């Protein structure tokens, strides 16, 4: 089992505005870069064997800041991308329920399988993120490994690693630039 440090990217302007980002490729803002620099100092004593990141810019920038102090290259993996939110991307959180009442009601009823038009469901994100985490753990069994990704993608890994139902993904989203430590693969009950 490999120790994984799961880190959500630093803050973006859309985080501040309360907009769904999904797979829209946005940069960090100044606060997000400062968060990543602060986290780099916080994690200074951890001997990471590798740094992996989503290929989306906000995660990649965060990972590059964290990796630079360690002399490690960032390995990009698109399976670590955020959930694709289709037509919801770029829209304010507060507007979604009004603009898409049927889809929003479905998400509340079935958070694991509901999807906005043109987007993904949590179950799909969980499969691809777990596949990435498993491949990373196999490649670095001694760990620890730093993985920089996104809220929903990381929340699916946290739920799986901690034995929580994937339907609780939206309640498990970590804060920006806050590390969560898990072992992977998750232990399965006997």
Foldseek 3Di string as FASTA:
>chain_A
DEKEKEAEFFADVCVVVQAAAAQPQGAHDPRRLVLLLVLLVVCVPFLFPAEEEAPRHRQLSSRCNNCVVVVHDYHYDNLQEGWHQPPRGPPHPVCCCVVPVVLVVVCVVQQQAGGHVPTGGLVSSLVSLLVVVQVVCVVPVHGDYYYYGHFQSVLSQVCQQVVHDSNCSVVRGDDHSDIDIGDPPHDDDD
